[in-house]
Amino acid sequence: MSTKSKTFTSPSRIVLILPCCIGDVILATATLKALRRGYPDAHITWAVGSWSRGAIEKHDLLDAVLDTGPSALPVKSASGFLRFVRQLGAGNFDMAVSLVRSPLMSLAMLLSGIPLRAGLDSGGRGFGYQIRAKIDPDQVRHEAEIYLDVTRALGLDTTDCYVNVPVNAENRDTVRDLLAARGFHSSYLVMNPAGGRNPGMVMDSKRWPFENFASLANRLSAKIGVHHAVLVAGPGDESLISAVQSRLQMPSTAFVGELSFGQIAALANMAQVYIGNDTGLTHLAAAAGAKTAMILGPSDPARYAPFTPDSIALWKPAAIQQRGVAAGTPQDWDWSRDGISVDEAEDKILNFLNRETH
């Protein structure tokens, strides 16, 4: 738009809307950065689900969070829809920035009473917004770039807007103390062999075989000078973590559902490298500034790779769903046939780390 109203250029209260899930929420921190840079004096609230809230609620670019509840899309049920509209109305927001591709969310925005509404418009679903970032679902683009299209439609600068999560001194100290209590005082790598599960999706096929993680760590140990492996995962992944640990040839420890998001960010930031599947915690590690290697299989790095300059996507080109993980898993996906091998992953990580040190 060539002509901008005062409301358009100077909102005082902004709500950024993306409830789910952790990986998507982390990718949207690039949009948060663009909003904060464009509107430095505005009060910015993030409408986020309880599943993902902890990943961003203490973000230094954010003023508040609005908890939308446990569901992936709070407007999907009639009661949730009405509750969310009331939440928005009670916030006295003068601008809404929606990163949700849903006609129900668009309708909720329309009924919210928020004067200025900007959002994604995929296939006409953005009818509730005055400022629409039109996207083509068949065009393969990174999710973070798609989210940033909304800020571009608002006329904001998105230069160098990468994912970002602050790492504070308190969490660093806590992690150091936890590791020291387990006898870990030297360099370490972090691995997350889990992921692929959230309130909106269960996709275990995104998990690289656990024995591959162990083999890769054993190979990297001497070559990059790490003496310990630290494994992280969520509740319910205990058996998976034990299976990896039993195959490791170096001392290891695990935190399964024990650390806060802020502590995981600090753990990753202080590691020599973080290796994980295409999952929310891997995006969190990258956003925290960790040297991050993400292993992708039935998900496309062109859409879902870590969105930072200090990361690498490990992927073997394969036939996958054109519209991303929302379209489901290829029925005949086979990691041994279709996925990246341990040999290839090792070579790429070594080249990546060597490049980063020169």
Protein backbone atom coordinates (compact mmCIF):
# COMPACT_ATOMS: atom_id res chain seq x y z
CA MET A 1 0.00 0.00 0.00
CA SER A 2 1.37 3.38 -0.92
CA THR A 3 -0.79 5.34 1.54
CA LYS A 4 -0.58 4.45 5.21
CA SER A 5 -2.95 5.71 7.90
CA LYS A 6 -1.77 6.73 11.35
CA THR A 7 -3.12 3.48 12.76
CA PHE A 8 -1.21 1.54 10.14
CA THR A 9 2.09 3.22 10.90
CA SER A 10 1.80 3.66 14.68
CA PRO A 11 -0.09 0.85 16.42
CA SER A 12 0.16 0.97 20.19
CA ARG A 13 -1.07 -2.56 20.98
CA ILE A 14 -0.31 -5.45 18.62
CA VAL A 15 -1.34 -9.08 18.90
CA LEU A 16 0.70 -11.64 16.95
CA ILE A 17 -1.31 -14.81 16.40
CA LEU A 18 0.25 -18.24 15.95
CA PRO A 19 -0.84 -20.77 18.58
CA CYS A 20 0.89 -23.96 17.44
CA CYS A 21 3.25 -25.64 17.32
CA ILE A 22 6.74 -25.25 18.83
CA GLY A 23 8.65 -25.37 15.55
CA ASP A 24 6.24 -23.01 13.82
CA VAL A 25 6.25 -20.65 16.79
CA ILE A 26 10.04 -20.53 16.78
CA LEU A 27 10.06 -19.84 13.04
CA ALA A 28 7.68 -16.95 13.68
CA THR A 29 10.20 -15.23 15.97
CA ALA A 30 11.67 -13.82 12.76
CA THR A 31 8.33 -12.06 12.26
CA LEU A 32 8.40 -10.89 15.87
CA LYS A 33 11.79 -9.30 15.20
CA ALA A 34 10.45 -7.47 12.15
CA LEU A 35 7.42 -6.23 14.12
CA ARG A 36 9.54 -5.00 17.02
CA ARG A 37 11.94 -3.22 14.70
CA GLY A 38 9.08 -1.66 12.76
CA TYR A 39 7.08 -0.67 15.84
CA PRO A 40 9.67 -0.19 18.61
CA ASP A 41 7.28 1.51 21.04
CA ALA A 42 4.31 -0.80 20.61
CA HIS A 43 3.11 -3.28 23.24
CA ILE A 44 3.28 -6.69 21.54
CA THR A 45 1.34 -9.72 22.78
CA TRP A 46 1.66 -13.20 21.30
CA ALA A 47 -1.51 -15.31 21.18
CA VAL A 48 -0.01 -18.77 21.66
CA GLY A 49 -1.20 -22.19 22.79
CA SER A 50 -0.28 -23.66 26.16
CA TRP A 51 1.78 -26.40 24.40
CA SER A 52 4.11 -23.83 22.82
CA ARG A 53 3.87 -20.94 25.28
CA GLY A 54 7.05 -21.78 27.16
CA ALA A 55 9.16 -21.46 24.03
CA ILE A 56 8.56 -17.72 23.69
CA GLU A 57 6.88 -16.32 26.82
CA LYS A 58 10.13 -14.83 28.16
CA HIS A 59 11.29 -13.45 24.83
CA ASP A 60 12.93 -10.06 25.23
CA LEU A 61 11.12 -8.63 22.18
CA LEU A 62 7.72 -9.56 23.61
CA ASP A 63 5.63 -7.76 26.23
CA ALA A 64 2.99 -10.38 27.02
CA VAL A 65 1.43 -13.68 26.01
CA LEU A 66 -2.23 -14.54 25.57
CA ASP A 67 -2.74 -18.26 26.27
CA THR A 68 -5.15 -19.70 23.69
CA GLY A 69 -5.47 -23.06 25.41
CA PRO A 70 -4.32 -26.63 24.69
CA SER A 71 -5.68 -27.12 21.17
CA ALA A 72 -3.61 -26.57 18.04
CA LEU A 73 -6.25 -24.22 16.61
CA PRO A 74 -8.37 -22.55 19.31
CA VAL A 75 -11.10 -21.49 16.85
CA LYS A 76 -11.83 -25.03 15.64
CA SER A 77 -14.66 -25.68 18.12
CA ALA A 78 -17.65 -23.39 18.66
CA SER A 79 -16.79 -22.79 22.32
CA GLY A 80 -13.11 -22.23 21.52
CA PHE A 81 -14.04 -19.81 18.73
CA LEU A 82 -16.21 -17.67 21.00
CA ARG A 83 -13.65 -17.75 23.80
CA PHE A 84 -10.88 -16.62 21.47
CA VAL A 85 -12.92 -13.78 20.00
CA ARG A 86 -13.65 -12.58 23.55
CA GLN A 87 -9.95 -12.81 24.45
CA LEU A 88 -9.05 -10.65 21.49
CA GLY A 89 -11.75 -8.13 22.25
CA ALA A 90 -10.59 -7.81 25.85
CA GLY A 91 -7.04 -7.03 24.78
CA ASN A 92 -7.78 -3.56 23.37
CA PHE A 93 -5.52 -4.30 20.41
CA ASP A 94 -5.38 -1.88 17.52
CA MET A 95 -3.49 -4.26 15.22
CA ALA A 96 -3.63 -8.02 14.73
CA VAL A 97 -0.99 -9.96 12.78
CA SER A 98 -2.22 -13.47 12.03
CA LEU A 99 0.10 -16.18 10.71
CA VAL A 100 -2.64 -18.81 10.68
CA ARG A 101 -4.01 -20.14 7.39
CA SER A 102 -7.58 -20.85 8.43
CA PRO A 103 -10.94 -19.38 7.40
CA LEU A 104 -12.10 -19.78 10.99
CA MET A 105 -9.24 -17.63 12.23
CA SER A 106 -10.00 -15.11 9.54
CA LEU A 107 -13.62 -14.97 10.70
CA ALA A 108 -12.51 -14.61 14.32
CA MET A 109 -10.38 -11.65 13.31
CA LEU A 110 -13.30 -10.09 11.50
CA LEU A 111 -15.49 -10.39 14.60
CA SER A 112 -12.80 -9.32 17.07
CA GLY A 113 -13.29 -5.59 16.63
CA ILE A 114 -9.56 -5.03 16.12
CA PRO A 115 -9.32 -2.00 13.77
CA LEU A 116 -6.39 -3.17 11.65
CA ARG A 117 -5.95 -6.81 10.73
CA ALA A 118 -3.13 -8.29 8.67
CA GLY A 119 -2.63 -11.93 7.83
CA LEU A 120 -1.90 -14.71 5.41
CA ASP A 121 -4.32 -15.24 2.54
CA SER A 122 -4.09 -18.76 1.12
CA GLY A 123 -6.86 -19.61 -1.32
CA GLY A 124 -9.09 -16.76 -0.14
CA ARG A 125 -8.90 -17.74 3.54
CA GLY A 126 -7.71 -14.26 4.50
CA PHE A 127 -11.08 -12.56 3.96
CA GLY A 128 -11.06 -11.23 7.53
CA TYR A 129 -7.94 -9.11 7.01
CA GLN A 130 -7.57 -5.69 5.40
CA ILE A 131 -3.86 -6.27 4.78
CA ARG A 132 -3.42 -9.62 3.03
CA ALA A 133 -0.24 -11.47 2.20
CA LYS A 134 -1.31 -13.72 -0.63
CA ILE A 135 0.48 -17.07 -0.76
CA ASP A 136 0.37 -19.98 -3.16
CA PRO A 137 0.22 -23.30 -1.25
CA ASP A 138 1.75 -25.07 -4.24
CA GLN A 139 4.83 -22.85 -4.25
CA VAL A 140 7.59 -24.34 -2.12
CA ARG A 141 8.91 -21.62 0.18
CA HIS A 142 10.31 -21.56 3.69
CA GLU A 143 7.66 -21.23 6.40
CA ALA A 144 9.55 -18.39 8.07
CA GLU A 145 9.61 -16.46 4.79
CA ILE A 146 5.88 -17.02 4.37
CA TYR A 147 5.25 -15.61 7.84
CA LEU A 148 7.48 -12.63 7.05
CA ASP A 149 5.27 -11.88 4.03
CA VAL A 150 2.71 -10.41 6.44
CA THR A 151 5.23 -7.90 7.78
CA ARG A 152 6.30 -7.13 4.22
CA ALA A 153 2.66 -6.42 3.37
CA LEU A 154 2.73 -3.95 6.27
CA GLY A 155 5.70 -2.23 4.64
CA LEU A 156 8.22 -3.35 7.27
CA ASP A 157 11.87 -4.15 6.68
CA THR A 158 12.67 -7.87 7.09
CA THR A 159 16.42 -7.68 6.41
CA ASP A 160 18.35 -10.09 8.66
CA CYS A 161 15.19 -11.18 10.43
CA TYR A 162 16.14 -14.71 11.44
CA VAL A 163 14.66 -16.86 14.19
CA ASN A 164 15.82 -15.71 17.60
CA VAL A 165 15.43 -16.80 21.22
CA PRO A 166 17.31 -15.05 24.03
CA VAL A 167 19.68 -17.05 26.23
CA ASN A 168 20.01 -15.52 29.69
CA ALA A 169 22.73 -15.87 32.30
CA GLU A 170 20.46 -17.57 34.83
CA ASN A 171 19.69 -20.44 32.46
CA ARG A 172 23.35 -20.76 31.50
CA ASP A 173 24.33 -21.03 35.16
CA THR A 174 21.58 -23.56 35.88
CA VAL A 175 22.65 -25.76 32.98
CA ARG A 176 26.31 -25.59 33.99
CA ASP A 177 25.37 -26.63 37.52
CA LEU A 178 23.22 -29.51 36.28
CA LEU A 179 25.98 -30.80 34.03
CA ALA A 180 28.62 -30.42 36.73
CA ALA A 181 26.47 -32.40 39.15
CA ARG A 182 26.59 -35.25 36.65
CA GLY A 183 30.35 -35.00 36.20
CA PHE A 184 30.29 -33.11 32.91
CA HIS A 185 32.90 -30.35 32.86
CA SER A 186 34.26 -30.45 29.29
CA SER A 187 32.94 -29.99 25.79
CA TYR A 188 29.81 -31.79 24.71
CA LEU A 189 27.42 -32.27 21.82
CA VAL A 190 23.64 -32.32 22.15
CA MET A 191 21.34 -34.73 20.36
CA ASN A 192 17.57 -34.89 20.14
CA PRO A 193 16.50 -38.14 18.45
CA ALA A 194 12.82 -37.53 19.25
CA GLY A 195 10.20 -35.12 17.92
CA GLY A 196 7.42 -35.29 15.36
CA ARG A 197 4.62 -35.10 17.92
CA ASN A 198 2.48 -32.13 18.90
CA PRO A 199 -1.23 -31.34 19.43
CA GLY A 200 -1.73 -30.91 15.70
CA MET A 201 0.21 -33.89 14.36
CA VAL A 202 1.89 -37.21 15.09
CA MET A 203 4.57 -37.98 12.51
CA ASP A 204 7.13 -40.39 13.94
CA SER A 205 8.52 -40.96 10.45
CA LYS A 206 10.37 -37.64 10.90
CA ARG A 207 12.66 -39.43 13.38
CA TRP A 208 16.01 -40.56 11.98
CA PRO A 209 16.70 -44.11 13.24
CA PHE A 210 18.00 -43.96 16.81
CA GLU A 211 20.96 -46.21 16.04
CA ASN A 212 22.08 -43.65 13.44
CA PHE A 213 22.26 -40.95 16.11
CA ALA A 214 24.49 -43.13 18.26
CA SER A 215 26.74 -44.08 15.36
CA LEU A 216 27.08 -40.47 14.25
CA ALA A 217 27.97 -39.28 17.76
CA ASN A 218 30.58 -42.01 18.14
CA ARG A 219 32.22 -40.98 14.88
CA LEU A 220 32.18 -37.26 15.67
CA SER A 221 33.54 -37.60 19.20
CA ALA A 222 37.24 -37.70 18.41
CA LYS A 223 37.03 -35.69 15.20
CA ILE A 224 35.52 -32.58 16.78
CA GLY A 225 36.96 -33.05 20.25
CA VAL A 226 33.81 -33.68 22.26
CA HIS A 227 33.99 -35.87 25.34
CA HIS A 228 30.35 -36.13 26.34
CA ALA A 229 26.95 -36.49 24.73
CA VAL A 230 23.88 -34.81 26.18
CA LEU A 231 20.50 -36.09 25.02
CA VAL A 232 17.26 -34.14 25.28
CA ALA A 233 13.69 -35.22 24.64
CA GLY A 234 10.18 -34.82 25.96
CA PRO A 235 8.13 -36.90 28.38
CA GLY A 236 7.40 -40.35 27.01
CA ASP A 237 10.67 -40.64 25.09
CA GLU A 238 12.61 -42.42 27.84
CA SER A 239 12.95 -45.73 25.98
CA LEU A 240 14.16 -43.99 22.84
CA ILE A 241 16.81 -42.10 24.77
CA SER A 242 17.93 -45.25 26.58
CA ALA A 243 18.31 -47.02 23.24
CA VAL A 244 20.63 -44.29 21.97
CA GLN A 245 22.64 -44.11 25.19
CA SER A 246 23.23 -47.88 25.23
CA ARG A 247 25.04 -47.58 21.89
CA LEU A 248 27.24 -44.60 22.74
CA GLN A 249 30.96 -45.06 23.26
CA MET A 250 31.41 -41.87 25.28
CA PRO A 251 29.95 -40.75 28.60
CA SER A 252 26.43 -39.45 28.21
CA THR A 253 23.59 -37.99 30.20
CA ALA A 254 19.99 -37.26 29.35
CA PHE A 255 17.33 -34.72 30.20
CA VAL A 256 13.93 -36.16 29.32
CA GLY A 257 11.17 -33.67 30.07
CA GLU A 258 13.32 -32.10 32.81
CA LEU A 259 14.46 -28.79 31.33
CA SER A 260 12.55 -25.64 30.55
CA PHE A 261 12.69 -24.26 27.03
CA GLY A 262 15.03 -21.55 28.26
CA GLN A 263 17.36 -24.14 29.76
CA ILE A 264 17.34 -26.21 26.57
CA ALA A 265 18.22 -23.06 24.65
CA ALA A 266 21.17 -22.44 27.00
CA LEU A 267 22.28 -26.08 26.80
CA ALA A 268 22.29 -25.95 23.01
CA ASN A 269 23.96 -22.55 22.85
CA MET A 270 26.93 -23.78 24.91
CA ALA A 271 27.35 -27.06 22.99
CA GLN A 272 29.85 -27.60 20.19
CA VAL A 273 27.00 -28.76 17.98
CA TYR A 274 23.32 -29.62 18.31
CA ILE A 275 22.01 -32.48 16.17
CA GLY A 276 18.30 -33.21 15.93
CA ASN A 277 15.38 -34.15 13.74
CA ASP A 278 13.02 -31.70 12.09
CA THR A 279 11.33 -30.81 15.36
CA GLY A 280 10.57 -27.85 17.56
CA LEU A 281 13.55 -28.31 19.87
CA THR A 282 15.94 -28.26 16.92
CA HIS A 283 14.45 -24.98 15.74
CA LEU A 284 14.77 -23.72 19.31
CA ALA A 285 18.46 -24.65 19.37
CA ALA A 286 19.09 -22.80 16.12
CA ALA A 287 17.20 -19.76 17.37
CA ALA A 288 19.34 -19.78 20.52
CA GLY A 289 22.48 -19.40 18.42
CA ALA A 290 23.67 -23.01 18.57
CA LYS A 291 25.59 -24.54 15.71
CA THR A 292 22.73 -26.70 14.56
CA ALA A 293 22.47 -29.70 12.25
CA MET A 294 18.88 -30.68 11.45
CA ILE A 295 18.19 -34.09 9.92
CA LEU A 296 15.22 -34.07 7.58
CA GLY A 297 13.58 -36.97 5.82
CA PRO A 298 9.94 -36.82 4.69
CA SER A 299 9.92 -33.04 5.27
CA ASP A 300 11.40 -30.56 2.82
CA PRO A 301 14.33 -28.38 3.96
CA ALA A 302 13.15 -25.75 1.49
CA ARG A 303 10.18 -25.34 3.84
CA TYR A 304 11.44 -26.40 7.24
CA ALA A 305 15.24 -26.07 7.53
CA PRO A 306 16.59 -24.04 10.48
CA PHE A 307 16.16 -20.36 9.66
CA THR A 308 19.54 -19.04 10.78
CA PRO A 309 22.91 -18.49 9.07
CA ASP A 310 24.67 -20.76 11.60
CA SER A 311 22.90 -24.03 10.80
CA ILE A 312 22.78 -26.83 8.27
CA ALA A 313 20.00 -29.04 6.90
CA LEU A 314 20.96 -32.68 6.33
CA TRP A 315 18.74 -34.19 3.66
CA LYS A 316 18.86 -36.62 0.79
CA PRO A 317 16.56 -35.44 -2.03
CA ALA A 318 13.53 -37.70 -2.06
CA ALA A 319 9.92 -37.81 -3.21
CA ILE A 320 7.90 -35.99 -0.53
CA GLN A 321 4.56 -34.24 -0.21
CA GLN A 322 4.46 -31.08 -2.31
CA ARG A 323 2.42 -29.13 0.25
CA GLY A 324 4.60 -30.00 3.23
CA VAL A 325 4.01 -32.07 6.34
CA ALA A 326 0.37 -30.99 6.55
CA ALA A 327 -0.23 -33.30 3.61
CA GLY A 328 1.03 -36.28 5.60
CA THR A 329 3.86 -38.78 5.28
CA PRO A 330 4.69 -40.54 2.01
CA GLN A 331 3.17 -43.97 2.46
CA ASP A 332 6.30 -45.87 1.47
CA TRP A 333 8.87 -43.72 3.28
CA ASP A 334 11.94 -45.75 4.24
CA TRP A 335 14.88 -44.13 6.03
CA SER A 336 17.42 -46.71 4.90
CA ARG A 337 16.45 -46.20 1.27
CA ASP A 338 15.25 -42.59 1.15
CA GLY A 339 17.05 -40.84 4.01
CA ILE A 340 20.51 -39.44 4.53
CA SER A 341 23.11 -41.98 5.67
CA VAL A 342 25.40 -41.74 8.68
CA ASP A 343 28.38 -41.37 6.33
CA GLU A 344 26.78 -38.43 4.54
CA ALA A 345 25.67 -36.78 7.77
CA GLU A 346 29.16 -37.08 9.24
CA ASP A 347 30.82 -35.53 6.20
CA LYS A 348 28.37 -32.64 6.05
CA ILE A 349 28.64 -31.85 9.76
CA LEU A 350 32.44 -31.95 9.70
CA ASN A 351 32.51 -29.62 6.70
CA PHE A 352 29.99 -27.32 8.39
CA LEU A 353 31.94 -27.11 11.65
CA ASN A 354 35.24 -26.65 9.83
CA ARG A 355 33.71 -23.81 7.80
CA GLU A 356 32.41 -22.16 10.97
CA THR A 357 35.87 -22.15 12.59
CA HIS A 358 37.65 -20.49 9.67
